[in-house]
């Protein structure tokens, strides 16, 4: 869900020093911060839109109906 450096930053588990560095970097780099925010919003809008959620739920319903009909 996160593309490192594009829609956010990935930090190794337990590496608080790296996390602090990344936060400090974002606090000081407004252009990068805005770019990542825009990219993350575009990703979320594309992948988690209401239309996509409805399609996924309908697909699950259709699969359940088909499975029930074959029992």
PDB file of N, CA and C in Angstrom:
ATOM      1  N   UNK A   1       0.805  -1.186   0.000  1.00  0.00           N
ATOM      2  CA  UNK A   1       0.000   0.000   0.000  1.00  0.00           C
ATOM      3  C   UNK A   1       0.852   1.255   0.000  1.00  0.00           C
ATOM      4  N   UNK A   2       2.060   1.139   0.533  1.00  0.00           N
ATOM      5  CA  UNK A   2       2.959   2.296   0.533  1.00  0.00           C
ATOM      6  C   UNK A   2       4.106   2.013  -0.413  1.00  0.00           C
ATOM      7  N   UNK A   3       4.295   2.927  -1.334  1.00  0.00           N
ATOM      8  CA  UNK A   3       5.466   2.860  -2.207  1.00  0.00           C
ATOM      9  C   UNK A   3       6.504   3.803  -1.602  1.00  0.00           C
ATOM     10  N   UNK A   4       7.584   3.220  -1.121  1.00  0.00           N
ATOM     11  CA  UNK A   4       8.590   3.967  -0.376  1.00  0.00           C
ATOM     12  C   UNK A   4       9.086   5.180  -1.161  1.00  0.00           C
ATOM     13  N   UNK A   5       8.955   6.345  -0.547  1.00  0.00           N
ATOM     14  CA  UNK A   5       9.403   7.581  -1.156  1.00  0.00           C
ATOM     15  C   UNK A   5       8.410   8.201  -2.127  1.00  0.00           C
ATOM     16  N   UNK A   6       7.303   7.500  -2.385  1.00  0.00           N
ATOM     17  CA  UNK A   6       6.302   8.009  -3.331  1.00  0.00           C
ATOM     18  C   UNK A   6       5.001   8.340  -2.605  1.00  0.00           C
ATOM     19  N   UNK A   7       4.459   7.354  -1.886  1.00  0.00           N
ATOM     20  CA  UNK A   7       3.212   7.577  -1.144  1.00  0.00           C
ATOM     21  C   UNK A   7       3.441   7.577   0.366  1.00  0.00           C
ATOM     22  N   UNK A   8       4.674   7.472   0.757  1.00  0.00           N
ATOM     23  CA  UNK A   8       5.045   7.457   2.170  1.00  0.00           C
ATOM     24  C   UNK A   8       6.454   6.941   2.317  1.00  0.00           C
ATOM     25  N   UNK A   9       6.832   6.646   3.535  1.00  0.00           N
ATOM     26  CA  UNK A   9       8.148   6.079   3.795  1.00  0.00           C
ATOM     27  C   UNK A   9       7.986   4.801   4.589  1.00  0.00           C
ATOM     28  N   UNK A  10       8.759   3.797   4.228  1.00  0.00           N
ATOM     29  CA  UNK A  10       8.788   2.556   4.981  1.00  0.00           C
ATOM     30  C   UNK A  10       9.969   2.608   5.943  1.00  0.00           C
ATOM     31  N   UNK A  11       9.723   2.201   7.156  1.00  0.00           N
ATOM     32  CA  UNK A  11      10.755   2.210   8.186  1.00  0.00           C
ATOM     33  C   UNK A  11      10.847   0.817   8.785  1.00  0.00           C
ATOM     34  N   UNK A  12      12.051   0.290   8.936  1.00  0.00           N
ATOM     35  CA  UNK A  12      12.186  -1.033   9.551  1.00  0.00           C
ATOM     36  C   UNK A  12      11.572  -1.046  10.958  1.00  0.00           C
ATOM     37  N   UNK A  13      10.941  -2.147  11.299  1.00  0.00           N
ATOM     38  CA  UNK A  13      10.321  -2.292  12.614  1.00  0.00           C
ATOM     39  C   UNK A  13      11.365  -2.071  13.701  1.00  0.00           C
ATOM     40  N   UNK A  14      11.028  -1.221  14.653  1.00  0.00           N
ATOM     41  CA  UNK A  14      11.900  -0.983  15.796  1.00  0.00           C
ATOM     42  C   UNK A  14      13.017   0.012  15.567  1.00  0.00           C
ATOM     43  N   UNK A  15      13.134   0.545  14.352  1.00  0.00           N
ATOM     44  CA  UNK A  15      14.212   1.492  14.047  1.00  0.00           C
ATOM     45  C   UNK A  15      13.720   2.918  14.298  1.00  0.00           C
ATOM     46  N   UNK A  16      13.684   3.292  15.571  1.00  0.00           N
ATOM     47  CA  UNK A  16      13.170   4.610  15.939  1.00  0.00           C
ATOM     48  C   UNK A  16      14.061   5.736  15.430  1.00  0.00           C
ATOM     49  N   UNK A  17      15.350   5.478  15.285  1.00  0.00           N
ATOM     50  CA  UNK A  17      16.269   6.503  14.762  1.00  0.00           C
ATOM     51  C   UNK A  17      15.913   6.824  13.308  1.00  0.00           C
ATOM     52  N   UNK A  18      15.681   5.795  12.513  1.00  0.00           N
ATOM     53  CA  UNK A  18      15.324   5.995  11.103  1.00  0.00           C
ATOM     54  C   UNK A  18      13.969   6.704  10.998  1.00  0.00           C
ATOM     55  N   UNK A  19      13.026   6.308  11.824  1.00  0.00           N
ATOM     56  CA  UNK A  19      11.710   6.944  11.825  1.00  0.00           C
ATOM     57  C   UNK A  19      11.831   8.430  12.148  1.00  0.00           C
ATOM     58  N   UNK A  20      12.636   8.760  13.163  1.00  0.00           N
ATOM     59  CA  UNK A  20      12.837  10.160  13.541  1.00  0.00           C
ATOM     60  C   UNK A  20      13.495  10.935  12.397  1.00  0.00           C
ATOM     61  N   UNK A  21      14.433  10.315  11.703  1.00  0.00           N
ATOM     62  CA  UNK A  21      15.091  10.964  10.557  1.00  0.00           C
ATOM     63  C   UNK A  21      14.082  11.256   9.452  1.00  0.00           C
ATOM     64  N   UNK A  22      13.222  10.299   9.173  1.00  0.00           N
ATOM     65  CA  UNK A  22      12.231  10.477   8.113  1.00  0.00           C
ATOM     66  C   UNK A  22      11.217  11.560   8.482  1.00  0.00           C
ATOM     67  N   UNK A  23      10.803  11.590   9.727  1.00  0.00           N
ATOM     68  CA  UNK A  23       9.872  12.631  10.174  1.00  0.00           C
ATOM     69  C   UNK A  23      10.525  14.004  10.078  1.00  0.00           C
ATOM     70  N   UNK A  24      11.769  14.111  10.527  1.00  0.00           N
ATOM     71  CA  UNK A  24      12.495  15.389  10.452  1.00  0.00           C
ATOM     72  C   UNK A  24      12.652  15.825   8.998  1.00  0.00           C
ATOM     73  N   UNK A  25      12.951  14.872   8.126  1.00  0.00           N
ATOM     74  CA  UNK A  25      13.093  15.176   6.699  1.00  0.00           C
ATOM     75  C   UNK A  25      11.795  15.766   6.157  1.00  0.00           C
ATOM     76  N   UNK A  26      10.676  15.129   6.467  1.00  0.00           N
ATOM     77  CA  UNK A  26       9.388  15.623   5.977  1.00  0.00           C
ATOM     78  C   UNK A  26       9.029  16.988   6.564  1.00  0.00           C
ATOM     79  N   UNK A  27       9.401  17.211   7.805  1.00  0.00           N
ATOM     80  CA  UNK A  27       9.123  18.508   8.424  1.00  0.00           C
ATOM     81  C   UNK A  27       9.883  19.636   7.731  1.00  0.00           C
ATOM     82  N   UNK A  28      11.063  19.331   7.203  1.00  0.00           N
ATOM     83  CA  UNK A  28      11.909  20.359   6.586  1.00  0.00           C
ATOM     84  C   UNK A  28      11.767  20.451   5.066  1.00  0.00           C
ATOM     85  N   UNK A  29      11.188  19.442   4.442  1.00  0.00           N
ATOM     86  CA  UNK A  29      11.087  19.406   2.975  1.00  0.00           C
ATOM     87  C   UNK A  29       9.628  19.516   2.536  1.00  0.00           C
ATOM     88  N   UNK A  30       9.160  20.743   2.439  1.00  0.00           N
ATOM     89  CA  UNK A  30       7.753  20.983   2.118  1.00  0.00           C
ATOM     90  C   UNK A  30       7.355  20.399   0.762  1.00  0.00           C
ATOM     91  N   UNK A  31       8.212  20.544  -0.256  1.00  0.00           N
ATOM     92  CA  UNK A  31       7.864  20.032  -1.589  1.00  0.00           C
ATOM     93  C   UNK A  31       7.699  18.515  -1.570  1.00  0.00           C
ATOM     94  N   UNK A  32       8.599  17.828  -0.888  1.00  0.00           N
ATOM     95  CA  UNK A  32       8.523  16.367  -0.794  1.00  0.00           C
ATOM     96  C   UNK A  32       7.272  15.974  -0.016  1.00  0.00           C
ATOM     97  N   UNK A  33       7.028  16.652   1.087  1.00  0.00           N
ATOM     98  CA  UNK A  33       5.862  16.371   1.919  1.00  0.00           C
ATOM     99  C   UNK A  33       4.575  16.528   1.110  1.00  0.00           C
ATOM    100  N   UNK A  34       4.468  17.603   0.357  1.00  0.00           N
ATOM    101  CA  UNK A  34       3.268  17.839  -0.459  1.00  0.00           C
ATOM    102  C   UNK A  34       3.144  16.796  -1.572  1.00  0.00           C
ATOM    103  N   UNK A  35       4.262  16.464  -2.198  1.00  0.00           N
ATOM    104  CA  UNK A  35       4.258  15.481  -3.276  1.00  0.00           C
ATOM    105  C   UNK A  35       3.806  14.110  -2.770  1.00  0.00           C
ATOM    106  N   UNK A  36       4.331  13.705  -1.632  1.00  0.00           N
ATOM    107  CA  UNK A  36       3.941  12.425  -1.049  1.00  0.00           C
ATOM    108  C   UNK A  36       2.462  12.456  -0.670  1.00  0.00           C
ATOM    109  N   UNK A  37       2.013  13.560  -0.113  1.00  0.00           N
ATOM    110  CA  UNK A  37       0.599  13.682   0.258  1.00  0.00           C
ATOM    111  C   UNK A  37      -0.314  13.571  -0.947  1.00  0.00           C
ATOM    112  N   UNK A  38       0.048  14.228  -2.030  1.00  0.00           N
ATOM    113  CA  UNK A  38      -0.755  14.162  -3.258  1.00  0.00           C
ATOM    114  C   UNK A  38      -0.758  12.749  -3.826  1.00  0.00           C
ATOM    115  N   UNK A  39       0.415  12.130  -3.863  1.00  0.00           N
ATOM    116  CA  UNK A  39       0.510  10.756  -4.386  1.00  0.00           C
ATOM    117  C   UNK A  39      -0.298   9.786  -3.531  1.00  0.00           C
ATOM    118  N   UNK A  40      -0.239   9.944  -2.222  1.00  0.00           N
ATOM    119  CA  UNK A  40      -0.994   9.071  -1.327  1.00  0.00           C
ATOM    120  C   UNK A  40      -2.502   9.265  -1.519  1.00  0.00           C
ATOM    121  N   UNK A  41      -2.925  10.503  -1.685  1.00  0.00           N
ATOM    122  CA  UNK A  41      -4.342  10.785  -1.915  1.00  0.00           C
ATOM    123  C   UNK A  41      -4.810  10.177  -3.234  1.00  0.00           C
ATOM    124  N   UNK A  42      -4.007  10.302  -4.288  1.00  0.00           N
ATOM    125  CA  UNK A  42      -4.362   9.728  -5.583  1.00  0.00           C
ATOM    126  C   UNK A  42      -4.469   8.205  -5.488  1.00  0.00           C
ATOM    127  N   UNK A  43      -3.513   7.587  -4.793  1.00  0.00           N
ATOM    128  CA  UNK A  43      -3.535   6.141  -4.616  1.00  0.00           C
ATOM    129  C   UNK A  43      -4.805   5.723  -3.872  1.00  0.00           C
ATOM    130  N   UNK A  44      -5.086   6.393  -2.773  1.00  0.00           N
ATOM    131  CA  UNK A  44      -6.249   6.053  -1.952  1.00  0.00           C
ATOM    132  C   UNK A  44      -7.543   6.255  -2.732  1.00  0.00           C
ATOM    133  N   UNK A  45      -7.643   7.347  -3.452  1.00  0.00           N
ATOM    134  CA  UNK A  45      -8.849   7.634  -4.230  1.00  0.00           C
ATOM    135  C   UNK A  45      -9.071   6.569  -5.295  1.00  0.00           C
ATOM    136  N   UNK A  46      -7.990   6.141  -5.928  1.00  0.00           N
ATOM    137  CA  UNK A  46      -8.096   5.134  -6.988  1.00  0.00           C
ATOM    138  C   UNK A  46      -8.427   3.755  -6.424  1.00  0.00           C
ATOM    139  N   UNK A  47      -7.736   3.356  -5.357  1.00  0.00           N
ATOM    140  CA  UNK A  47      -7.874   2.003  -4.838  1.00  0.00           C
ATOM    141  C   UNK A  47      -8.991   1.830  -3.813  1.00  0.00           C
ATOM    142  N   UNK A  48      -9.375   2.891  -3.137  1.00  0.00           N
ATOM    143  CA  UNK A  48     -10.358   2.757  -2.072  1.00  0.00           C
ATOM    144  C   UNK A  48     -11.579   3.630  -2.300  1.00  0.00           C
ATOM    145  N   UNK A  49     -11.917   3.863  -3.540  1.00  0.00           N
ATOM    146  CA  UNK A  49     -13.086   4.682  -3.829  1.00  0.00           C
ATOM    147  C   UNK A  49     -14.365   3.927  -3.462  1.00  0.00           C
ATOM    148  N   UNK A  50     -15.437   4.657  -3.301  1.00  0.00           N
ATOM    149  CA  UNK A  50     -16.724   4.039  -3.003  1.00  0.00           C
ATOM    150  C   UNK A  50     -17.125   3.088  -4.122  1.00  0.00           C
ATOM    151  N   UNK A  51     -16.880   3.492  -5.351  1.00  0.00           N
ATOM    152  CA  UNK A  51     -17.227   2.644  -6.493  1.00  0.00           C
ATOM    153  C   UNK A  51     -16.474   1.316  -6.431  1.00  0.00           C
ATOM    154  N   UNK A  52     -15.187   1.362  -6.099  1.00  0.00           N
ATOM    155  CA  UNK A  52     -14.411   0.125  -5.981  1.00  0.00           C
ATOM    156  C   UNK A  52     -14.917  -0.736  -4.831  1.00  0.00           C
ATOM    157  N   UNK A  53     -15.246  -0.115  -3.719  1.00  0.00           N
ATOM    158  CA  UNK A  53     -15.752  -0.866  -2.574  1.00  0.00           C
ATOM    159  C   UNK A  53     -17.055  -1.577  -2.933  1.00  0.00           C
ATOM    160  N   UNK A  54     -17.930  -0.890  -3.651  1.00  0.00           N
ATOM    161  CA  UNK A  54     -19.200  -1.489  -4.072  1.00  0.00           C
ATOM    162  C   UNK A  54     -18.947  -2.661  -5.013  1.00  0.00           C
ATOM    163  N   UNK A  55     -18.033  -2.484  -5.969  1.00  0.00           N
ATOM    164  CA  UNK A  55     -17.700  -3.571  -6.897  1.00  0.00           C
ATOM    165  C   UNK A  55     -17.191  -4.790  -6.146  1.00  0.00           C
ATOM    166  N   UNK A  56     -16.340  -4.579  -5.162  1.00  0.00           N
ATOM    167  CA  UNK A  56     -15.775  -5.695  -4.402  1.00  0.00           C
ATOM    168  C   UNK A  56     -16.846  -6.418  -3.587  1.00  0.00           C
ATOM    169  N   UNK A  57     -17.738  -5.671  -2.977  1.00  0.00           N
ATOM    170  CA  UNK A  57     -18.819  -6.288  -2.196  1.00  0.00           C
ATOM    171  C   UNK A  57     -19.742  -7.073  -3.118  1.00  0.00           C
ATOM    172  N   UNK A  58     -20.105  -6.492  -4.256  1.00  0.00           N
ATOM    173  CA  UNK A  58     -20.966  -7.199  -5.209  1.00  0.00           C
ATOM    174  C   UNK A  58     -20.302  -8.475  -5.712  1.00  0.00           C
ATOM    175  N   UNK A  59     -19.025  -8.412  -5.948  1.00  0.00           N
ATOM    176  CA  UNK A  59     -18.280  -9.596  -6.397  1.00  0.00           C
ATOM    177  C   UNK A  59     -18.337 -10.691  -5.335  1.00  0.00           C
ATOM    178  N   UNK A  60     -18.161 -10.320  -4.075  1.00  0.00           N
ATOM    179  CA  UNK A  60     -18.249 -11.297  -2.985  1.00  0.00           C
ATOM    180  C   UNK A  60     -19.642 -11.916  -2.918  1.00  0.00           C
ATOM    181  N   UNK A  61     -20.671 -11.100  -3.073  1.00  0.00           N
ATOM    182  CA  UNK A  61     -22.040 -11.611  -3.064  1.00  0.00           C
ATOM    183  C   UNK A  61     -22.261 -12.602  -4.206  1.00  0.00           C
ATOM    184  N   UNK A  62     -21.782 -12.240  -5.398  1.00  0.00           N
ATOM    185  CA  UNK A  62     -21.943 -13.132  -6.553  1.00  0.00           C
ATOM    186  C   UNK A  62     -21.210 -14.457  -6.322  1.00  0.00           C
ATOM    187  N   UNK A  63     -20.029 -14.401  -5.763  1.00  0.00           N
ATOM    188  CA  UNK A  63     -19.278 -15.619  -5.470  1.00  0.00           C
ATOM    189  C   UNK A  63     -20.020 -16.482  -4.453  1.00  0.00           C
ATOM    190  N   UNK A  64     -20.573 -15.847  -3.424  1.00  0.00           N
ATOM    191  CA  UNK A  64     -21.309 -16.589  -2.404  1.00  0.00           C
ATOM    192  C   UNK A  64     -22.549 -17.243  -2.994  1.00  0.00           C
ATOM    193  N   UNK A  65     -23.244 -16.531  -3.865  1.00  0.00           N
ATOM    194  CA  UNK A  65     -24.445 -17.068  -4.503  1.00  0.00           C
ATOM    195  C   UNK A  65     -24.083 -18.260  -5.384  1.00  0.00           C
ATOM    196  N   UNK A  66     -23.028 -18.117  -6.180  1.00  0.00           N
ATOM    197  CA  UNK A  66     -22.592 -19.213  -7.047  1.00  0.00           C
ATOM    198  C   UNK A  66     -22.186 -20.433  -6.235  1.00  0.00           C
ATOM    199  N   UNK A  67     -21.479 -20.221  -5.140  1.00  0.00           N
ATOM    200  CA  UNK A  67     -21.054 -21.323  -4.292  1.00  0.00           C
ATOM    201  C   UNK A  67     -22.274 -22.014  -3.698  1.00  0.00           C
ATOM    202  N   UNK A  68     -23.239 -21.232  -3.246  1.00  0.00           N
ATOM    203  CA  UNK A  68     -24.455 -21.801  -2.652  1.00  0.00           C
ATOM    204  C   UNK A  68     -25.247 -22.601  -3.680  1.00  0.00           C
ATOM    205  N   UNK A  69     -25.285 -22.144  -4.936  1.00  0.00           N
ATOM    206  CA  UNK A  69     -26.025 -22.831  -5.981  1.00  0.00           C
ATOM    207  C   UNK A  69     -25.383 -24.156  -6.354  1.00  0.00           C
ATOM    208  N   UNK A  70     -24.075 -24.273  -6.143  1.00  0.00           N
ATOM    209  CA  UNK A  70     -23.372 -25.515  -6.511  1.00  0.00           C
ATOM    210  C   UNK A  70     -23.326 -26.525  -5.366  1.00  0.00           C
ATOM    211  N   UNK A  71     -23.889 -26.164  -4.223  1.00  0.00           N
ATOM    212  CA  UNK A  71     -23.900 -27.096  -3.082  1.00  0.00           C
ATOM    213  C   UNK A  71     -24.979 -28.128  -3.233  1.00  0.00           C
TER     214      UNK A  71
END
